[in-house]
C-alpha atoms as a PDB file:
ATOM      1  CA  MET A   1      61.853  46.067  -2.207  1.00  0.00           C
ATOM      2  CA  PHE A   2      60.068  44.222   0.610  1.00  0.00           C
ATOM      3  CA  LEU A   3      59.514  47.380   2.618  1.00  0.00           C
ATOM      4  CA  VAL A   4      57.339  48.949  -0.061  1.00  0.00           C
ATOM      5  CA  ASN A   5      55.010  45.968  -0.044  1.00  0.00           C
ATOM      6  CA  CYS A   6      53.644  46.960   3.362  1.00  0.00           C
ATOM      7  CA  LEU A   7      52.384  50.369   2.229  1.00  0.00           C
ATOM      8  CA  HIS A   8      48.793  50.800   3.301  1.00  0.00           C
ATOM      9  CA  PRO A   9      46.396  50.826   0.342  1.00  0.00           C
ATOM     10  CA  ALA A  10      43.971  53.571  -0.393  1.00  0.00           C
ATOM     11  CA  LEU A  11      41.125  51.267   0.706  1.00  0.00           C
ATOM     12  CA  ARG A  12      41.458  52.719   4.281  1.00  0.00           C
ATOM     13  CA  ALA A  13      40.088  55.911   2.980  1.00  0.00           C
ATOM     14  CA  GLY A  14      36.975  53.919   1.755  1.00  0.00           C
ATOM     15  CA  PHE A  15      34.528  54.001  -1.214  1.00  0.00           C
ATOM     16  CA  TYR A  16      31.394  56.185  -1.130  1.00  0.00           C
ATOM     17  CA  LEU A  17      28.533  55.064  -3.342  1.00  0.00           C
ATOM     18  CA  LEU A  18      26.411  58.025  -4.432  1.00  0.00           C
ATOM     19  CA  PHE A  19      23.654  57.814  -6.955  1.00  0.00           C
ATOM     20  CA  PHE A  20      22.407  61.032  -8.426  1.00  0.00           C
ATOM     21  CA  GLN A  21      19.076  61.622 -10.082  1.00  0.00           C
ATOM     22  CA  SER A  22      18.574  64.308 -12.684  1.00  0.00           C
ATOM     23  CA  SER A  23      15.371  66.254 -13.215  1.00  0.00           C
ATOM     24  CA  PHE A  24      14.467  68.472 -16.100  1.00  0.00           C
ATOM     25  CA  LEU A  25      12.249  71.571 -15.958  1.00  0.00           C
ATOM     26  CA  LEU A  26      10.533  72.423 -19.198  1.00  0.00           C
ATOM     27  CA  LYS A  27       9.288  75.933 -19.717  1.00  0.00           C
ATOM     28  CA  VAL A  28       7.096  75.753 -22.757  1.00  0.00           C
ATOM     29  CA  SER A  29       4.100  77.926 -23.466  1.00  0.00           C
ATOM     30  CA  LYS A  30       0.675  76.389 -23.693  1.00  0.00           C
ATOM     31  CA  THR A  31       0.458  76.971 -27.433  1.00  0.00           C
ATOM     32  CA  GLN A  32       3.780  75.262 -28.185  1.00  0.00           C
ATOM     33  CA  ARG A  33       3.623  72.429 -25.620  1.00  0.00           C
ATOM     34  CA  ALA A  34       1.853  69.982 -27.913  1.00  0.00           C
ATOM     35  CA  THR A  35       4.189  70.531 -30.868  1.00  0.00           C
ATOM     36  CA  GLU A  36       7.560  70.984 -29.102  1.00  0.00           C
ATOM     37  CA  SER A  37       7.379  68.481 -26.235  1.00  0.00           C
ATOM     38  CA  HIS A  38       9.334  65.828 -28.112  1.00  0.00           C
ATOM     39  CA  ARG A  39      12.018  68.341 -29.092  1.00  0.00           C
ATOM     40  CA  CYS A  40      12.532  69.756 -25.604  1.00  0.00           C
ATOM     41  CA  LEU A  41      12.549  66.492 -23.659  1.00  0.00           C
ATOM     42  CA  ARG A  42      14.679  63.583 -24.787  1.00  0.00           C
ATOM     43  CA  ILE A  43      14.470  60.654 -22.406  1.00  0.00           C
ATOM     44  CA  PRO A  44      16.710  57.682 -23.214  1.00  0.00           C
ATOM     45  CA  PRO A  45      15.094  54.272 -23.226  1.00  0.00           C
ATOM     46  CA  PRO A  46      14.845  52.586 -19.776  1.00  0.00           C
ATOM     47  CA  GLY A  47      17.164  49.818 -20.931  1.00  0.00           C
ATOM     48  CA  THR A  48      19.925  52.357 -21.660  1.00  0.00           C
ATOM     49  CA  LEU A  49      19.795  53.865 -18.143  1.00  0.00           C
ATOM     50  CA  ARG A  50      19.650  50.451 -16.533  1.00  0.00           C
ATOM     51  CA  GLY A  51      22.516  49.192 -18.651  1.00  0.00           C
ATOM     52  CA  SER A  52      24.774  52.188 -17.938  1.00  0.00           C
ATOM     53  CA  ARG A  53      24.124  51.952 -14.210  1.00  0.00           C
ATOM     54  CA  THR A  54      24.787  48.210 -14.228  1.00  0.00           C
ATOM     55  CA  ALA A  55      28.031  48.731 -16.118  1.00  0.00           C
ATOM     56  CA  ALA A  56      29.183  51.364 -13.603  1.00  0.00           C
ATOM     57  CA  VAL A  57      28.356  49.097 -10.652  1.00  0.00           C
ATOM     58  CA  LEU A  58      30.180  46.165 -12.257  1.00  0.00           C
ATOM     59  CA  ALA A  59      33.242  48.321 -12.915  1.00  0.00           C
ATOM     60  CA  LEU A  60      33.305  49.542  -9.311  1.00  0.00           C
ATOM     61  CA  LEU A  61      32.696  46.000  -8.080  1.00  0.00           C
ATOM     62  CA  SER A  62      35.615  44.641 -10.117  1.00  0.00           C
ATOM     63  CA  LEU A  63      37.898  47.459  -8.960  1.00  0.00           C
ATOM     64  CA  SER A  64      37.002  46.966  -5.289  1.00  0.00           C
ATOM     65  CA  LEU A  65      37.434  43.199  -5.461  1.00  0.00           C
ATOM     66  CA  SER A  66      40.771  43.406  -7.263  1.00  0.00           C
ATOM     67  CA  MET A  67      42.165  46.002  -4.832  1.00  0.00           C
ATOM     68  CA  TYR A  68      40.997  43.927  -1.874  1.00  0.00           C
ATOM     69  CA  LEU A  69      42.649  40.779  -3.223  1.00  0.00           C
ATOM     70  CA  VAL A  70      45.859  42.667  -3.980  1.00  0.00           C
ATOM     71  CA  THR A  71      45.901  44.092  -0.449  1.00  0.00           C
ATOM     72  CA  VAL A  72      45.378  40.704   1.194  1.00  0.00           C
ATOM     73  CA  LEU A  73      47.903  38.989  -1.078  1.00  0.00           C
ATOM     74  CA  ARG A  74      50.506  41.711  -0.506  1.00  0.00           C
ATOM     75  CA  ASN A  75      50.217  41.450   3.265  1.00  0.00           C
ATOM     76  CA  LEU A  76      50.315  37.653   3.200  1.00  0.00           C
ATOM     77  CA  LEU A  77      53.449  37.691   1.050  1.00  0.00           C
ATOM     78  CA  SER A  78      55.036  40.176   3.454  1.00  0.00           C
ATOM     79  CA  ILE A  79      54.241  37.938   6.422  1.00  0.00           C
ATOM     80  CA  LEU A  80      55.581  34.899   4.567  1.00  0.00           C
ATOM     81  CA  ALA A  81      58.802  36.752   3.703  1.00  0.00           C
ATOM     82  CA  VAL A  82      59.368  37.716   7.336  1.00  0.00           C
ATOM     83  CA  ARG A  83      58.719  34.175   8.545  1.00  0.00           C
ATOM     84  CA  SER A  84      60.883  32.437   5.937  1.00  0.00           C
ATOM     85  CA  ASP A  85      63.896  34.801   5.821  1.00  0.00           C
ATOM     86  CA  SER A  86      66.065  34.489   8.921  1.00  0.00           C
ATOM     87  CA  PRO A  87      67.779  37.922   8.519  1.00  0.00           C
ATOM     88  CA  LEU A  88      64.320  39.460   8.922  1.00  0.00           C
ATOM     89  CA  HIS A  89      63.784  37.855  12.328  1.00  0.00           C
ATOM     90  CA  THR A  90      64.243  41.181  14.098  1.00  0.00           C
ATOM     91  CA  PRO A  91      61.895  43.180  16.342  1.00  0.00           C
ATOM     92  CA  ILE A  92      61.037  45.752  13.654  1.00  0.00           C
ATOM     93  CA  TYR A  93      59.921  43.054  11.211  1.00  0.00           C
ATOM     94  CA  PHE A  94      58.110  41.192  13.960  1.00  0.00           C
ATOM     95  CA  PHE A  95      56.014  44.309  14.537  1.00  0.00           C
ATOM     96  CA  LEU A  96      55.670  44.744  10.783  1.00  0.00           C
ATOM     97  CA  SER A  97      54.245  41.247  10.302  1.00  0.00           C
ATOM     98  CA  ASN A  98      51.690  41.872  13.055  1.00  0.00           C
ATOM     99  CA  LEU A  99      50.841  45.167  11.400  1.00  0.00           C
ATOM    100  CA  CYS A 100      50.173  43.267   8.165  1.00  0.00           C
ATOM    101  CA  TRP A 101      47.767  40.954  10.031  1.00  0.00           C
ATOM    102  CA  ALA A 102      45.960  43.994  11.443  1.00  0.00           C
ATOM    103  CA  ASP A 103      45.767  45.535   7.980  1.00  0.00           C
ATOM    104  CA  ILE A 104      44.171  42.362   6.597  1.00  0.00           C
ATOM    105  CA  GLY A 105      41.627  42.419   9.421  1.00  0.00           C
ATOM    106  CA  PHE A 106      40.856  46.117   8.977  1.00  0.00           C
ATOM    107  CA  THR A 107      40.307  45.718   5.238  1.00  0.00           C
ATOM    108  CA  SER A 108      38.263  42.530   5.648  1.00  0.00           C
ATOM    109  CA  ALA A 109      35.959  44.260   8.141  1.00  0.00           C
ATOM    110  CA  THR A 110      34.740  46.745   5.532  1.00  0.00           C
ATOM    111  CA  VAL A 111      35.403  45.815   1.905  1.00  0.00           C
ATOM    112  CA  PRO A 112      33.709  42.358   1.617  1.00  0.00           C
ATOM    113  CA  LYS A 113      30.418  43.705   2.996  1.00  0.00           C
ATOM    114  CA  MET A 114      30.612  46.626   0.572  1.00  0.00           C
ATOM    115  CA  ILE A 115      31.222  44.245  -2.347  1.00  0.00           C
ATOM    116  CA  VAL A 116      28.222  42.118  -1.325  1.00  0.00           C
ATOM    117  CA  ASP A 117      26.054  45.247  -1.078  1.00  0.00           C
ATOM    118  CA  MET A 118      27.043  46.334  -4.575  1.00  0.00           C
ATOM    119  CA  GLN A 119      26.385  42.874  -5.972  1.00  0.00           C
ATOM    120  CA  SER A 120      22.970  42.527  -4.289  1.00  0.00           C
ATOM    121  CA  HIS A 121      21.974  46.211  -4.789  1.00  0.00           C
ATOM    122  CA  SER A 122      21.119  46.423  -1.084  1.00  0.00           C
ATOM    123  CA  ARG A 123      22.813  48.460   1.623  1.00  0.00           C
ATOM    124  CA  VAL A 124      20.841  47.046   4.557  1.00  0.00           C
ATOM    125  CA  ILE A 125      22.680  45.615   7.563  1.00  0.00           C
ATOM    126  CA  SER A 126      21.265  44.084  10.719  1.00  0.00           C
ATOM    127  CA  HIS A 127      21.786  45.593  14.158  1.00  0.00           C
ATOM    128  CA  ALA A 128      24.011  42.705  15.240  1.00  0.00           C
ATOM    129  CA  GLY A 129      25.948  42.865  11.971  1.00  0.00           C
ATOM    130  CA  CYS A 130      26.502  46.590  12.387  1.00  0.00           C
ATOM    131  CA  LEU A 131      27.838  46.142  15.916  1.00  0.00           C
ATOM    132  CA  THR A 132      30.111  43.318  14.782  1.00  0.00           C
ATOM    133  CA  GLN A 133      31.507  45.357  11.912  1.00  0.00           C
ATOM    134  CA  MET A 134      32.065  48.362  14.154  1.00  0.00           C
ATOM    135  CA  SER A 135      33.826  46.241  16.791  1.00  0.00           C
ATOM    136  CA  PHE A 136      36.299  44.747  14.314  1.00  0.00           C
ATOM    137  CA  LEU A 137      36.816  48.108  12.638  1.00  0.00           C
ATOM    138  CA  VAL A 138      37.742  49.811  15.918  1.00  0.00           C
ATOM    139  CA  LEU A 139      39.808  46.814  17.067  1.00  0.00           C
ATOM    140  CA  PHE A 140      42.084  46.622  14.039  1.00  0.00           C
ATOM    141  CA  ALA A 141      42.344  50.401  13.617  1.00  0.00           C
ATOM    142  CA  CYS A 142      43.543  50.796  17.211  1.00  0.00           C
ATOM    143  CA  ILE A 143      45.981  47.887  16.847  1.00  0.00           C
ATOM    144  CA  GLU A 144      47.512  49.525  13.777  1.00  0.00           C
ATOM    145  CA  GLY A 145      47.921  52.864  15.538  1.00  0.00           C
ATOM    146  CA  MET A 146      49.563  51.331  18.585  1.00  0.00           C
ATOM    147  CA  LEU A 147      51.864  49.099  16.544  1.00  0.00           C
ATOM    148  CA  LEU A 148      53.044  52.108  14.545  1.00  0.00           C
ATOM    149  CA  THR A 149      53.911  53.816  17.828  1.00  0.00           C
ATOM    150  CA  VAL A 150      55.790  50.728  19.053  1.00  0.00           C
ATOM    151  CA  MET A 151      57.715  50.586  15.768  1.00  0.00           C
ATOM    152  CA  ALA A 152      58.704  54.241  16.208  1.00  0.00           C
ATOM    153  CA  TYR A 153      60.014  53.429  19.700  1.00  0.00           C
ATOM    154  CA  ASP A 154      61.964  50.497  18.246  1.00  0.00           C
ATOM    155  CA  CYS A 155      63.610  52.810  15.689  1.00  0.00           C
ATOM    156  CA  PHE A 156      64.401  55.324  18.418  1.00  0.00           C
ATOM    157  CA  VAL A 157      66.213  52.735  20.550  1.00  0.00           C
ATOM    158  CA  ALA A 158      68.022  51.213  17.549  1.00  0.00           C
ATOM    159  CA  ILE A 159      69.415  54.580  16.369  1.00  0.00           C
ATOM    160  CA  CYS A 160      69.836  56.583  19.561  1.00  0.00           C
ATOM    161  CA  HIS A 161      70.928  53.697  21.832  1.00  0.00           C
ATOM    162  CA  PRO A 162      72.403  51.055  19.486  1.00  0.00           C
ATOM    163  CA  LEU A 163      74.626  49.430  22.131  1.00  0.00           C
ATOM    164  CA  HIS A 164      71.714  48.840  24.500  1.00  0.00           C
ATOM    165  CA  TYR A 165      69.244  47.848  21.758  1.00  0.00           C
ATOM    166  CA  PRO A 166      69.534  44.027  22.172  1.00  0.00           C
ATOM    167  CA  VAL A 167      69.008  44.361  25.912  1.00  0.00           C
ATOM    168  CA  ILE A 168      66.123  46.870  25.791  1.00  0.00           C
ATOM    169  CA  VAL A 169      64.154  45.512  22.840  1.00  0.00           C
ATOM    170  CA  ASN A 170      64.273  41.815  23.674  1.00  0.00           C
ATOM    171  CA  PRO A 171      61.807  39.164  22.420  1.00  0.00           C
ATOM    172  CA  HIS A 172      59.822  39.222  25.657  1.00  0.00           C
ATOM    173  CA  LEU A 173      59.305  42.974  25.381  1.00  0.00           C
ATOM    174  CA  CYS A 174      58.202  42.626  21.750  1.00  0.00           C
ATOM    175  CA  VAL A 175      55.559  40.055  22.642  1.00  0.00           C
ATOM    176  CA  PHE A 176      54.483  42.216  25.586  1.00  0.00           C
ATOM    177  CA  PHE A 177      54.009  45.254  23.299  1.00  0.00           C
ATOM    178  CA  VAL A 178      51.902  43.252  20.849  1.00  0.00           C
ATOM    179  CA  LEU A 179      49.725  41.793  23.607  1.00  0.00           C
ATOM    180  CA  VAL A 180      49.206  45.201  25.235  1.00  0.00           C
ATOM    181  CA  SER A 181      48.257  46.680  21.866  1.00  0.00           C
ATOM    182  CA  PHE A 182      45.741  43.904  21.284  1.00  0.00           C
ATOM    183  CA  PHE A 183      44.086  44.002  24.714  1.00  0.00           C
ATOM    184  CA  LEU A 184      43.862  47.802  24.852  1.00  0.00           C
ATOM    185  CA  SER A 185      42.343  47.831  21.378  1.00  0.00           C
ATOM    186  CA  LEU A 186      39.921  45.075  22.374  1.00  0.00           C
ATOM    187  CA  LEU A 187      38.897  47.069  25.454  1.00  0.00           C
ATOM    188  CA  ASP A 188      38.254  50.157  23.335  1.00  0.00           C
ATOM    189  CA  SER A 189      36.251  48.101  20.845  1.00  0.00           C
ATOM    190  CA  GLN A 190      34.050  46.649  23.576  1.00  0.00           C
ATOM    191  CA  LEU A 191      33.519  50.084  25.106  1.00  0.00           C
ATOM    192  CA  HIS A 192      32.265  51.322  21.750  1.00  0.00           C
ATOM    193  CA  SER A 193      29.865  48.389  21.515  1.00  0.00           C
ATOM    194  CA  TRP A 194      28.655  48.881  25.095  1.00  0.00           C
ATOM    195  CA  ILE A 195      27.861  52.563  24.555  1.00  0.00           C
ATOM    196  CA  VAL A 196      26.087  51.924  21.252  1.00  0.00           C
ATOM    197  CA  LEU A 197      24.017  49.163  22.895  1.00  0.00           C
ATOM    198  CA  GLN A 198      22.589  51.759  25.284  1.00  0.00           C
ATOM    199  CA  PHE A 199      20.353  53.290  22.650  1.00  0.00           C
ATOM    200  CA  THR A 200      17.033  51.890  21.561  1.00  0.00           C
ATOM    201  CA  ILE A 201      17.009  49.924  18.340  1.00  0.00           C
ATOM    202  CA  ILE A 202      15.347  52.062  15.666  1.00  0.00           C
ATOM    203  CA  LYS A 203      14.384  50.565  12.329  1.00  0.00           C
ATOM    204  CA  ASN A 204      15.270  52.215   9.029  1.00  0.00           C
ATOM    205  CA  VAL A 205      18.072  54.345  10.448  1.00  0.00           C
ATOM    206  CA  GLU A 206      20.133  55.715   7.588  1.00  0.00           C
ATOM    207  CA  ILE A 207      23.894  56.093   8.026  1.00  0.00           C
ATOM    208  CA  SER A 208      25.631  58.254   5.437  1.00  0.00           C
ATOM    209  CA  ASN A 209      28.584  55.900   5.040  1.00  0.00           C
ATOM    210  CA  PHE A 210      29.320  52.484   3.575  1.00  0.00           C
ATOM    211  CA  VAL A 211      30.380  51.170   7.004  1.00  0.00           C
ATOM    212  CA  CYS A 212      28.953  51.416  10.504  1.00  0.00           C
ATOM    213  CA  ASP A 213      31.002  54.412  11.562  1.00  0.00           C
ATOM    214  CA  PRO A 214      31.301  54.533  15.399  1.00  0.00           C
ATOM    215  CA  SER A 215      31.059  58.324  15.512  1.00  0.00           C
ATOM    216  CA  GLN A 216      27.762  58.263  13.615  1.00  0.00           C
ATOM    217  CA  LEU A 217      26.343  55.427  15.713  1.00  0.00           C
ATOM    218  CA  LEU A 218      27.128  57.317  18.915  1.00  0.00           C
ATOM    219  CA  LYS A 219      24.951  60.188  17.693  1.00  0.00           C
ATOM    220  CA  PHE A 220      21.922  57.895  17.885  1.00  0.00           C
ATOM    221  CA  ALA A 221      22.635  56.966  21.509  1.00  0.00           C
ATOM    222  CA  CYS A 222      19.892  57.754  23.962  1.00  0.00           C
ATOM    223  CA  SER A 223      22.305  57.978  26.860  1.00  0.00           C
ATOM    224  CA  ASP A 224      23.706  61.195  28.244  1.00  0.00           C
ATOM    225  CA  SER A 225      25.376  63.233  25.511  1.00  0.00           C
ATOM    226  CA  ILE A 226      27.977  64.461  28.009  1.00  0.00           C
ATOM    227  CA  ILE A 227      29.101  60.882  28.646  1.00  0.00           C
ATOM    228  CA  ASN A 228      29.330  60.275  24.913  1.00  0.00           C
ATOM    229  CA  SER A 229      31.392  63.430  24.442  1.00  0.00           C
ATOM    230  CA  ILE A 230      33.759  62.451  27.258  1.00  0.00           C
ATOM    231  CA  PHE A 231      34.187  59.008  25.731  1.00  0.00           C
ATOM    232  CA  ILE A 232      34.879  60.445  22.271  1.00  0.00           C
ATOM    233  CA  TYR A 233      37.501  62.828  23.673  1.00  0.00           C
ATOM    234  CA  PHE A 234      39.084  60.018  25.694  1.00  0.00           C
ATOM    235  CA  HIS A 235      39.180  57.725  22.658  1.00  0.00           C
ATOM    236  CA  SER A 236      40.648  60.446  20.429  1.00  0.00           C
ATOM    237  CA  THR A 237      43.337  61.192  23.008  1.00  0.00           C
ATOM    238  CA  MET A 238      44.187  57.594  23.824  1.00  0.00           C
ATOM    239  CA  PHE A 239      44.273  56.184  20.302  1.00  0.00           C
ATOM    240  CA  GLY A 240      44.843  59.312  18.243  1.00  0.00           C
ATOM    241  CA  PHE A 241      46.808  62.040  19.974  1.00  0.00           C
ATOM    242  CA  LEU A 242      49.109  59.814  22.048  1.00  0.00           C
ATOM    243  CA  PRO A 243      50.241  57.535  19.181  1.00  0.00           C
ATOM    244  CA  ILE A 244      50.884  60.496  16.888  1.00  0.00           C
ATOM    245  CA  SER A 245      52.741  62.316  19.648  1.00  0.00           C
ATOM    246  CA  GLY A 246      54.836  59.216  20.338  1.00  0.00           C
ATOM    247  CA  ILE A 247      55.791  58.889  16.672  1.00  0.00           C
ATOM    248  CA  LEU A 248      56.668  62.577  16.347  1.00  0.00           C
ATOM    249  CA  LEU A 249      58.667  62.545  19.584  1.00  0.00           C
ATOM    250  CA  SER A 250      60.615  59.484  18.444  1.00  0.00           C
ATOM    251  CA  TYR A 251      61.600  61.094  15.160  1.00  0.00           C
ATOM    252  CA  TYR A 252      62.351  64.351  16.969  1.00  0.00           C
ATOM    253  CA  LYS A 253      65.099  62.378  18.712  1.00  0.00           C
ATOM    254  CA  ILE A 254      66.027  60.210  15.718  1.00  0.00           C
ATOM    255  CA  ILE A 255      66.680  62.923  13.112  1.00  0.00           C
ATOM    256  CA  PRO A 256      69.315  64.869  15.136  1.00  0.00           C
ATOM    257  CA  SER A 257      71.066  61.599  15.969  1.00  0.00           C
ATOM    258  CA  ILE A 258      71.274  60.716  12.272  1.00  0.00           C
ATOM    259  CA  LEU A 259      72.534  64.166  11.326  1.00  0.00           C
ATOM    260  CA  ARG A 260      75.337  63.860  13.885  1.00  0.00           C
ATOM    261  CA  ILE A 261      76.712  60.784  12.105  1.00  0.00           C
ATOM    262  CA  SER A 262      79.755  61.820  10.092  1.00  0.00           C
ATOM    263  CA  SER A 263      80.011  59.034   7.513  1.00  0.00           C
ATOM    264  CA  SER A 264      77.516  58.695   4.672  1.00  0.00           C
ATOM    265  CA  ASP A 265      77.412  54.914   5.133  1.00  0.00           C
ATOM    266  CA  GLY A 266      76.411  55.375   8.744  1.00  0.00           C
ATOM    267  CA  LYS A 267      73.621  57.770   7.790  1.00  0.00           C
ATOM    268  CA  TYR A 268      72.363  55.366   5.113  1.00  0.00           C
ATOM    269  CA  LYS A 269      72.353  52.491   7.600  1.00  0.00           C
ATOM    270  CA  ALA A 270      70.496  54.611  10.148  1.00  0.00           C
ATOM    271  CA  PHE A 271      67.847  55.635   7.615  1.00  0.00           C
ATOM    272  CA  SER A 272      67.454  52.043   6.441  1.00  0.00           C
ATOM    273  CA  THR A 273      66.818  51.012  10.050  1.00  0.00           C
ATOM    274  CA  CYS A 274      63.594  53.011  10.208  1.00  0.00           C
ATOM    275  CA  GLY A 275      62.809  52.648   6.504  1.00  0.00           C
ATOM    276  CA  SER A 276      60.038  50.091   6.984  1.00  0.00           C
ATOM    277  CA  HIS A 277      58.316  52.264   9.575  1.00  0.00           C
ATOM    278  CA  LEU A 278      58.575  55.373   7.383  1.00  0.00           C
ATOM    279  CA  ALA A 279      57.199  53.407   4.440  1.00  0.00           C
ATOM    280  CA  VAL A 280      54.085  52.424   6.402  1.00  0.00           C
ATOM    281  CA  VAL A 281      53.538  55.830   8.032  1.00  0.00           C
ATOM    282  CA  CYS A 282      54.013  57.821   4.831  1.00  0.00           C
END
C-alpha cells in the first residue's frame, strides 16, 4: 500500500563506526619464555587482519549505500504517486509529499558523507563542512517534526469536524503551514550555526559521532554556558515538546470521536483517514 512506503527508515537512528583493538597479556616464566612463546601467542598474518577489516568495511559500505538508495527511491516514488494520482490531491497527502522531501534532505545530510568517510578511511571534516552539515541536519529534522504536527491537526479536523474540513483546511492554509514550518526550521538552524560560530576554532577536535551533532558542538562553545543551556531548553521545547504534545492532543480528541461512531464502515473510514500519519509516526 502507498502509505507504508513513507515509513521512515532506520537510517535516522544512524550508524556508529567503532574499531576495537585487542591486546594479549602473556604470563610466562623466564625459564619457559624462550620455548613457549610461539605456543602462547598466535598472531595472524598482517594480510589476514587487513583483509578481514577491509571486508567488514566493504560490507557496511554496501549496506549503507543500498539503504540510502532505497530510502531516496521510496520517497521519490511516493512523491510521484501523489503528484500523478488525482484522488491523492488532498491536504494530508500534500503534507506527506513535503515530508518525503524533508526525509530525503535529512538522509542526504548525513549518509553520503559517512559513505565517503568509509570509502576513504578518513573521518575528518572541515569547520565549514561541519557547520553546513549541522545546519541541514537541524533544518530538515525540524521540518519533519512540524509537518508531523500539522498532519495530526489535519486528521483532527477531518475526523472531529468533517463538515467544516473543506473550509478550515483549504489550500491556502496548507501552503501557509508548509511555509511556516520551513521558515521556523530555517531560523532554528541559523541560530544553531550562530551559537557554534561563537567558539574559537580548535584543530583536531574529536566528536564521538559520525555526524556533527549540534548538542556536542555546543559543548565546545566558549560563550556563556547559561546562554547555551537556555537555547538548548528553548529548542527542545519548541521543536520537541510542542510537536509531541500537539500530536498527542490531536489523537486524544480523535480516538473518542472514532469510538463514538456506531457503524464499522464509519470507523474503518475514520482510521483510514489518519492512516498515513500513523504509518509515519509509528
